[in-house]
Amino acid sequence: MMNSGLELDEVMLASVVSACASLCALKEGLQIHARVIKNNKFIDDIVLGNALVDMYSKCSSVSEARRVFDPMPVRNVVSKTSMVSGYARATSIKAARFMFWKMKQRNVVSWNALGYTQNKEND
């Protein structure tokens, strides 16, 4: 894709990162993230940032997700829910709950992510 002369934009990058998240293709996602950092382009894009947080969370790399999440200039319910979900997957139940209760805005997805921690605790 990059060798074809296509100009990459934030929507295309977010889509590729989301595909990496779905496939748990961490290596490829890291390459895309490195390219974003190297080009210093779209680094503050919330859609791409959310896709990266989600990808790292789904690939069980919560510390990397947090490294993307913390410097984001704007975070929304999607960003925060991705972190709650990542912590829940990593069985960091305390961190998941702390992140959830700090959220000013919650939706069904964030409640479900928190509910996942309840299931983990009962296993």
N, C-alpha and C. Protein backbone atom coordinates (compact mmCIF):
# COMPACT_ATOMS: atom_id res chain seq x y z
N MET A 1 0.83 -1.18 0.00
CA MET A 1 0.00 0.00 0.00
C MET A 1 0.88 1.25 0.00
N MET A 2 1.91 1.23 0.82
CA MET A 2 2.78 2.40 0.91
C MET A 2 3.67 2.54 -0.32
N ASN A 3 3.99 1.42 -0.93
CA ASN A 3 4.83 1.45 -2.13
C ASN A 3 4.05 1.77 -3.38
N SER A 4 2.73 1.77 -3.32
CA SER A 4 1.90 2.00 -4.49
C SER A 4 1.74 3.47 -4.82
N GLY A 5 2.24 4.34 -3.98
CA GLY A 5 2.14 5.77 -4.22
C GLY A 5 0.89 6.39 -3.63
N LEU A 6 0.09 5.60 -2.95
CA LEU A 6 -1.10 6.14 -2.29
C LEU A 6 -0.70 7.06 -1.15
N GLU A 7 -1.38 8.18 -1.07
CA GLU A 7 -1.16 9.09 0.05
C GLU A 7 -2.00 8.60 1.22
N LEU A 8 -1.35 8.21 2.30
CA LEU A 8 -2.07 7.71 3.47
C LEU A 8 -2.68 8.86 4.25
N ASP A 9 -3.93 8.71 4.63
CA ASP A 9 -4.57 9.70 5.48
C ASP A 9 -4.98 9.04 6.79
N GLU A 10 -5.49 9.84 7.70
CA GLU A 10 -5.81 9.33 9.03
C GLU A 10 -6.92 8.30 9.01
N VAL A 11 -7.85 8.41 8.08
CA VAL A 11 -8.95 7.44 7.99
C VAL A 11 -8.43 6.08 7.53
N MET A 12 -7.57 6.10 6.52
CA MET A 12 -7.00 4.85 6.02
C MET A 12 -6.15 4.18 7.10
N LEU A 13 -5.33 4.97 7.80
CA LEU A 13 -4.48 4.42 8.85
C LEU A 13 -5.33 3.84 9.99
N ALA A 14 -6.37 4.55 10.38
CA ALA A 14 -7.25 4.06 11.46
C ALA A 14 -7.92 2.76 11.04
N SER A 15 -8.30 2.66 9.78
CA SER A 15 -8.93 1.43 9.27
C SER A 15 -7.97 0.26 9.30
N VAL A 16 -6.73 0.50 8.90
CA VAL A 16 -5.72 -0.57 8.91
C VAL A 16 -5.41 -0.98 10.35
N VAL A 17 -5.30 -0.02 11.24
CA VAL A 17 -5.04 -0.33 12.66
C VAL A 17 -6.21 -1.12 13.24
N SER A 18 -7.44 -0.75 12.88
CA SER A 18 -8.61 -1.49 13.36
C SER A 18 -8.60 -2.93 12.85
N ALA A 19 -8.17 -3.11 11.61
CA ALA A 19 -8.05 -4.47 11.06
C ALA A 19 -7.00 -5.25 11.83
N CYS A 20 -5.90 -4.60 12.16
CA CYS A 20 -4.85 -5.25 12.97
C CYS A 20 -5.41 -5.66 14.33
N ALA A 21 -6.25 -4.81 14.91
CA ALA A 21 -6.86 -5.12 16.21
C ALA A 21 -7.76 -6.35 16.09
N SER A 22 -8.56 -6.40 15.04
CA SER A 22 -9.47 -7.53 14.84
C SER A 22 -8.73 -8.84 14.65
N LEU A 23 -7.57 -8.76 13.99
CA LEU A 23 -6.76 -9.95 13.72
C LEU A 23 -5.73 -10.22 14.81
N CYS A 24 -5.66 -9.33 15.78
CA CYS A 24 -4.63 -9.38 16.81
C CYS A 24 -3.24 -9.44 16.17
N ALA A 25 -3.07 -8.62 15.14
CA ALA A 25 -1.82 -8.54 14.39
C ALA A 25 -0.97 -7.41 14.97
N LEU A 26 -0.40 -7.67 16.13
CA LEU A 26 0.35 -6.65 16.85
C LEU A 26 1.58 -6.17 16.07
N LYS A 27 2.29 -7.08 15.47
CA LYS A 27 3.51 -6.71 14.73
C LYS A 27 3.19 -5.69 13.62
N GLU A 28 2.15 -5.96 12.86
CA GLU A 28 1.77 -5.05 11.78
C GLU A 28 1.26 -3.73 12.33
N GLY A 29 0.50 -3.80 13.43
CA GLY A 29 0.01 -2.58 14.06
C GLY A 29 1.15 -1.71 14.58
N LEU A 30 2.17 -2.36 15.13
CA LEU A 30 3.35 -1.61 15.59
C LEU A 30 4.04 -0.90 14.43
N GLN A 31 4.08 -1.56 13.29
CA GLN A 31 4.71 -0.95 12.11
C GLN A 31 3.94 0.29 11.66
N ILE A 32 2.62 0.19 11.67
CA ILE A 32 1.79 1.35 11.29
C ILE A 32 2.01 2.47 12.31
N HIS A 33 2.00 2.14 13.59
CA HIS A 33 2.20 3.14 14.63
C HIS A 33 3.57 3.81 14.48
N ALA A 34 4.59 3.02 14.21
CA ALA A 34 5.93 3.57 14.03
C ALA A 34 5.96 4.54 12.85
N ARG A 35 5.23 4.20 11.80
CA ARG A 35 5.19 5.07 10.62
C ARG A 35 4.50 6.40 10.96
N VAL A 36 3.45 6.33 11.75
CA VAL A 36 2.75 7.55 12.17
C VAL A 36 3.70 8.43 12.98
N ILE A 37 4.42 7.82 13.91
CA ILE A 37 5.36 8.58 14.75
C ILE A 37 6.49 9.15 13.90
N LYS A 38 7.04 8.33 13.01
CA LYS A 38 8.17 8.76 12.17
C LYS A 38 7.78 9.95 11.30
N ASN A 39 6.59 9.91 10.72
CA ASN A 39 6.15 10.99 9.84
C ASN A 39 5.58 12.17 10.62
N ASN A 40 5.39 11.99 11.94
CA ASN A 40 4.83 13.04 12.79
C ASN A 40 3.55 13.62 12.18
N LYS A 41 2.77 12.72 11.57
CA LYS A 41 1.55 13.13 10.90
C LYS A 41 0.39 12.42 11.58
N PHE A 42 -0.69 13.12 11.79
CA PHE A 42 -1.91 12.57 12.39
C PHE A 42 -1.70 12.10 13.82
N ILE A 43 -0.62 12.51 14.45
CA ILE A 43 -0.29 12.04 15.79
C ILE A 43 -1.36 12.47 16.80
N ASP A 44 -2.05 13.58 16.54
CA ASP A 44 -3.07 14.08 17.46
C ASP A 44 -4.49 13.76 16.99
N ASP A 45 -4.64 12.93 15.97
CA ASP A 45 -5.96 12.58 15.46
C ASP A 45 -6.65 11.63 16.43
N ILE A 46 -7.83 12.00 16.90
CA ILE A 46 -8.52 11.20 17.92
C ILE A 46 -8.98 9.85 17.37
N VAL A 47 -9.40 9.80 16.12
CA VAL A 47 -9.87 8.53 15.55
C VAL A 47 -8.71 7.55 15.45
N LEU A 48 -7.58 8.01 14.97
CA LEU A 48 -6.40 7.15 14.87
C LEU A 48 -5.89 6.79 16.27
N GLY A 49 -5.89 7.75 17.18
CA GLY A 49 -5.48 7.47 18.56
C GLY A 49 -6.36 6.42 19.20
N ASN A 50 -7.67 6.54 19.00
CA ASN A 50 -8.60 5.54 19.55
C ASN A 50 -8.36 4.17 18.94
N ALA A 51 -8.09 4.14 17.64
CA ALA A 51 -7.82 2.86 16.97
C ALA A 51 -6.56 2.21 17.53
N LEU A 52 -5.54 3.02 17.79
CA LEU A 52 -4.29 2.49 18.36
C LEU A 52 -4.51 1.96 19.78
N VAL A 53 -5.22 2.73 20.60
CA VAL A 53 -5.51 2.29 21.98
C VAL A 53 -6.29 0.98 21.94
N ASP A 54 -7.29 0.91 21.07
CA ASP A 54 -8.09 -0.30 20.95
C ASP A 54 -7.25 -1.49 20.48
N MET A 55 -6.39 -1.25 19.49
CA MET A 55 -5.55 -2.33 18.97
C MET A 55 -4.63 -2.89 20.06
N TYR A 56 -3.94 -2.00 20.74
CA TYR A 56 -3.03 -2.46 21.80
C TYR A 56 -3.79 -3.18 22.91
N SER A 57 -4.97 -2.66 23.25
CA SER A 57 -5.78 -3.30 24.28
C SER A 57 -6.21 -4.70 23.85
N LYS A 58 -6.68 -4.82 22.63
CA LYS A 58 -7.14 -6.12 22.13
C LYS A 58 -6.00 -7.11 21.95
N CYS A 59 -4.80 -6.59 21.74
CA CYS A 59 -3.63 -7.46 21.56
C CYS A 59 -2.90 -7.70 22.88
N SER A 60 -3.57 -7.41 23.99
CA SER A 60 -3.03 -7.65 25.34
C SER A 60 -1.75 -6.88 25.62
N SER A 61 -1.65 -5.70 25.07
CA SER A 61 -0.50 -4.84 25.33
C SER A 61 -1.01 -3.55 25.98
N VAL A 62 -1.52 -3.69 27.19
CA VAL A 62 -2.16 -2.57 27.87
C VAL A 62 -1.18 -1.45 28.17
N SER A 63 0.06 -1.78 28.44
CA SER A 63 1.05 -0.73 28.72
C SER A 63 1.27 0.13 27.48
N GLU A 64 1.28 -0.47 26.30
CA GLU A 64 1.41 0.30 25.05
C GLU A 64 0.16 1.13 24.82
N ALA A 65 -1.00 0.55 25.11
CA ALA A 65 -2.26 1.29 24.97
C ALA A 65 -2.21 2.53 25.86
N ARG A 66 -1.71 2.37 27.06
CA ARG A 66 -1.63 3.49 28.00
C ARG A 66 -0.65 4.55 27.51
N ARG A 67 0.45 4.10 26.85
CA ARG A 67 1.43 5.06 26.31
C ARG A 67 0.83 5.90 25.18
N VAL A 68 -0.13 5.35 24.47
CA VAL A 68 -0.84 6.13 23.44
C VAL A 68 -1.91 6.99 24.10
N PHE A 69 -2.63 6.42 25.04
CA PHE A 69 -3.75 7.09 25.69
C PHE A 69 -3.32 8.34 26.48
N ASP A 70 -2.30 8.22 27.29
CA ASP A 70 -1.92 9.32 28.19
C ASP A 70 -1.64 10.65 27.49
N PRO A 71 -0.85 10.67 26.41
CA PRO A 71 -0.57 11.98 25.78
C PRO A 71 -1.65 12.46 24.80
N MET A 72 -2.73 11.70 24.62
CA MET A 72 -3.78 12.14 23.69
C MET A 72 -4.32 13.49 24.15
N PRO A 73 -4.34 14.49 23.26
CA PRO A 73 -4.82 15.81 23.67
C PRO A 73 -6.32 15.82 23.98
N VAL A 74 -7.06 14.94 23.31
CA VAL A 74 -8.50 14.82 23.54
C VAL A 74 -8.81 13.34 23.69
N ARG A 75 -9.54 13.00 24.74
CA ARG A 75 -9.99 11.62 24.95
C ARG A 75 -11.51 11.64 25.04
N ASN A 76 -12.13 10.62 24.47
CA ASN A 76 -13.58 10.55 24.54
C ASN A 76 -14.00 9.21 25.13
N VAL A 77 -15.29 8.93 25.10
CA VAL A 77 -15.80 7.69 25.68
C VAL A 77 -15.20 6.47 24.98
N VAL A 78 -14.89 6.58 23.71
CA VAL A 78 -14.28 5.47 22.98
C VAL A 78 -12.87 5.19 23.50
N SER A 79 -12.08 6.24 23.68
CA SER A 79 -10.72 6.09 24.19
C SER A 79 -10.73 5.42 25.56
N LYS A 80 -11.57 5.94 26.42
CA LYS A 80 -11.61 5.45 27.80
C LYS A 80 -12.19 4.04 27.89
N THR A 81 -13.21 3.75 27.09
CA THR A 81 -13.77 2.40 27.09
C THR A 81 -12.76 1.39 26.58
N SER A 82 -11.96 1.77 25.60
CA SER A 82 -10.91 0.87 25.11
C SER A 82 -9.92 0.55 26.22
N MET A 83 -9.60 1.54 27.05
CA MET A 83 -8.69 1.29 28.16
C MET A 83 -9.34 0.40 29.22
N VAL A 84 -10.61 0.66 29.54
CA VAL A 84 -11.33 -0.19 30.51
C VAL A 84 -11.33 -1.63 30.02
N SER A 85 -11.64 -1.80 28.75
CA SER A 85 -11.69 -3.13 28.15
C SER A 85 -10.31 -3.80 28.17
N GLY A 86 -9.29 -3.03 27.86
CA GLY A 86 -7.92 -3.58 27.88
C GLY A 86 -7.50 -4.02 29.27
N TYR A 87 -7.80 -3.20 30.26
CA TYR A 87 -7.49 -3.58 31.64
C TYR A 87 -8.27 -4.82 32.05
N ALA A 88 -9.54 -4.87 31.64
CA ALA A 88 -10.37 -6.03 31.98
C ALA A 88 -9.80 -7.31 31.35
N ARG A 89 -9.39 -7.23 30.10
CA ARG A 89 -8.79 -8.40 29.43
C ARG A 89 -7.51 -8.85 30.12
N ALA A 90 -6.77 -7.87 30.61
CA ALA A 90 -5.49 -8.17 31.26
C ALA A 90 -5.69 -8.54 32.73
N THR A 91 -6.92 -8.67 33.12
CA THR A 91 -7.33 -8.96 34.50
C THR A 91 -6.81 -7.95 35.51
N SER A 92 -6.65 -6.72 35.06
CA SER A 92 -6.32 -5.61 35.97
C SER A 92 -7.65 -4.98 36.38
N ILE A 93 -8.39 -5.71 37.17
CA ILE A 93 -9.76 -5.33 37.51
C ILE A 93 -9.80 -3.99 38.25
N LYS A 94 -8.87 -3.80 39.15
CA LYS A 94 -8.83 -2.55 39.91
C LYS A 94 -8.61 -1.35 38.98
N ALA A 95 -7.67 -1.49 38.05
CA ALA A 95 -7.39 -0.41 37.09
C ALA A 95 -8.58 -0.17 36.17
N ALA A 96 -9.25 -1.26 35.74
CA ALA A 96 -10.43 -1.13 34.87
C ALA A 96 -11.53 -0.35 35.59
N ARG A 97 -11.77 -0.71 36.83
CA ARG A 97 -12.82 -0.02 37.60
C ARG A 97 -12.46 1.43 37.86
N PHE A 98 -11.20 1.68 38.19
CA PHE A 98 -10.76 3.05 38.44
C PHE A 98 -10.96 3.92 37.21
N MET A 99 -10.55 3.40 36.03
CA MET A 99 -10.71 4.13 34.77
C MET A 99 -12.20 4.37 34.49
N PHE A 100 -13.02 3.34 34.72
CA PHE A 100 -14.45 3.45 34.47
C PHE A 100 -15.08 4.53 35.34
N TRP A 101 -14.79 4.53 36.62
CA TRP A 101 -15.44 5.48 37.51
C TRP A 101 -14.93 6.90 37.32
N LYS A 102 -13.77 7.06 36.69
CA LYS A 102 -13.27 8.40 36.36
C LYS A 102 -13.96 8.97 35.13
N MET A 103 -14.59 8.10 34.34
CA MET A 103 -15.25 8.55 33.11
C MET A 103 -16.45 9.44 33.45
N LYS A 104 -16.50 10.62 32.83
CA LYS A 104 -17.64 11.51 33.04
C LYS A 104 -18.82 11.07 32.20
N GLN A 105 -18.53 10.46 31.07
CA GLN A 105 -19.57 9.99 30.16
C GLN A 105 -19.39 8.48 29.97
N ARG A 106 -20.49 7.74 30.15
CA ARG A 106 -20.44 6.29 29.98
C ARG A 106 -21.56 5.89 29.04
N ASN A 107 -21.36 4.78 28.33
CA ASN A 107 -22.41 4.27 27.46
C ASN A 107 -22.54 2.76 27.69
N VAL A 108 -23.38 2.13 26.91
CA VAL A 108 -23.63 0.69 27.06
C VAL A 108 -22.34 -0.10 26.90
N VAL A 109 -21.51 0.30 25.96
CA VAL A 109 -20.26 -0.42 25.72
C VAL A 109 -19.33 -0.33 26.92
N SER A 110 -19.22 0.86 27.51
CA SER A 110 -18.34 0.99 28.68
C SER A 110 -18.89 0.21 29.87
N TRP A 111 -20.21 0.18 30.03
CA TRP A 111 -20.80 -0.63 31.10
C TRP A 111 -20.53 -2.11 30.85
N ASN A 112 -20.62 -2.55 29.60
CA ASN A 112 -20.33 -3.94 29.26
C ASN A 112 -18.87 -4.28 29.53
N ALA A 113 -17.97 -3.35 29.21
CA ALA A 113 -16.54 -3.58 29.48
C ALA A 113 -16.31 -3.75 30.98
N LEU A 114 -16.99 -2.93 31.78
CA LEU A 114 -16.87 -3.07 33.23
C LEU A 114 -17.50 -4.37 33.70
N GLY A 115 -18.62 -4.74 33.11
CA GLY A 115 -19.27 -6.00 33.45
C GLY A 115 -18.36 -7.18 33.19
N TYR A 116 -17.49 -7.06 32.20
CA TYR A 116 -16.51 -8.11 31.89
C TYR A 116 -15.61 -8.35 33.09
N THR A 117 -15.29 -7.28 33.83
CA THR A 117 -14.45 -7.44 35.02
C THR A 117 -15.18 -8.24 36.08
N GLN A 118 -16.50 -8.06 36.18
CA GLN A 118 -17.28 -8.81 37.14
C GLN A 118 -17.20 -10.31 36.83
N ASN A 119 -17.31 -10.65 35.55
CA ASN A 119 -17.23 -12.05 35.13
C ASN A 119 -15.86 -12.64 35.44
N LYS A 120 -14.80 -11.88 35.23
CA LYS A 120 -13.44 -12.34 35.49
C LYS A 120 -13.25 -12.60 36.99
N GLU A 121 -13.84 -11.72 37.80
CA GLU A 121 -13.69 -11.84 39.23
C GLU A 121 -14.38 -13.10 39.77
N ASN A 122 -15.45 -13.51 39.10
CA ASN A 122 -16.20 -14.67 39.55
C ASN A 122 -15.66 -15.99 39.02
N ASP A 123 -14.72 -15.94 38.09
CA ASP A 123 -14.14 -17.18 37.54
C ASP A 123 -13.31 -17.93 38.54
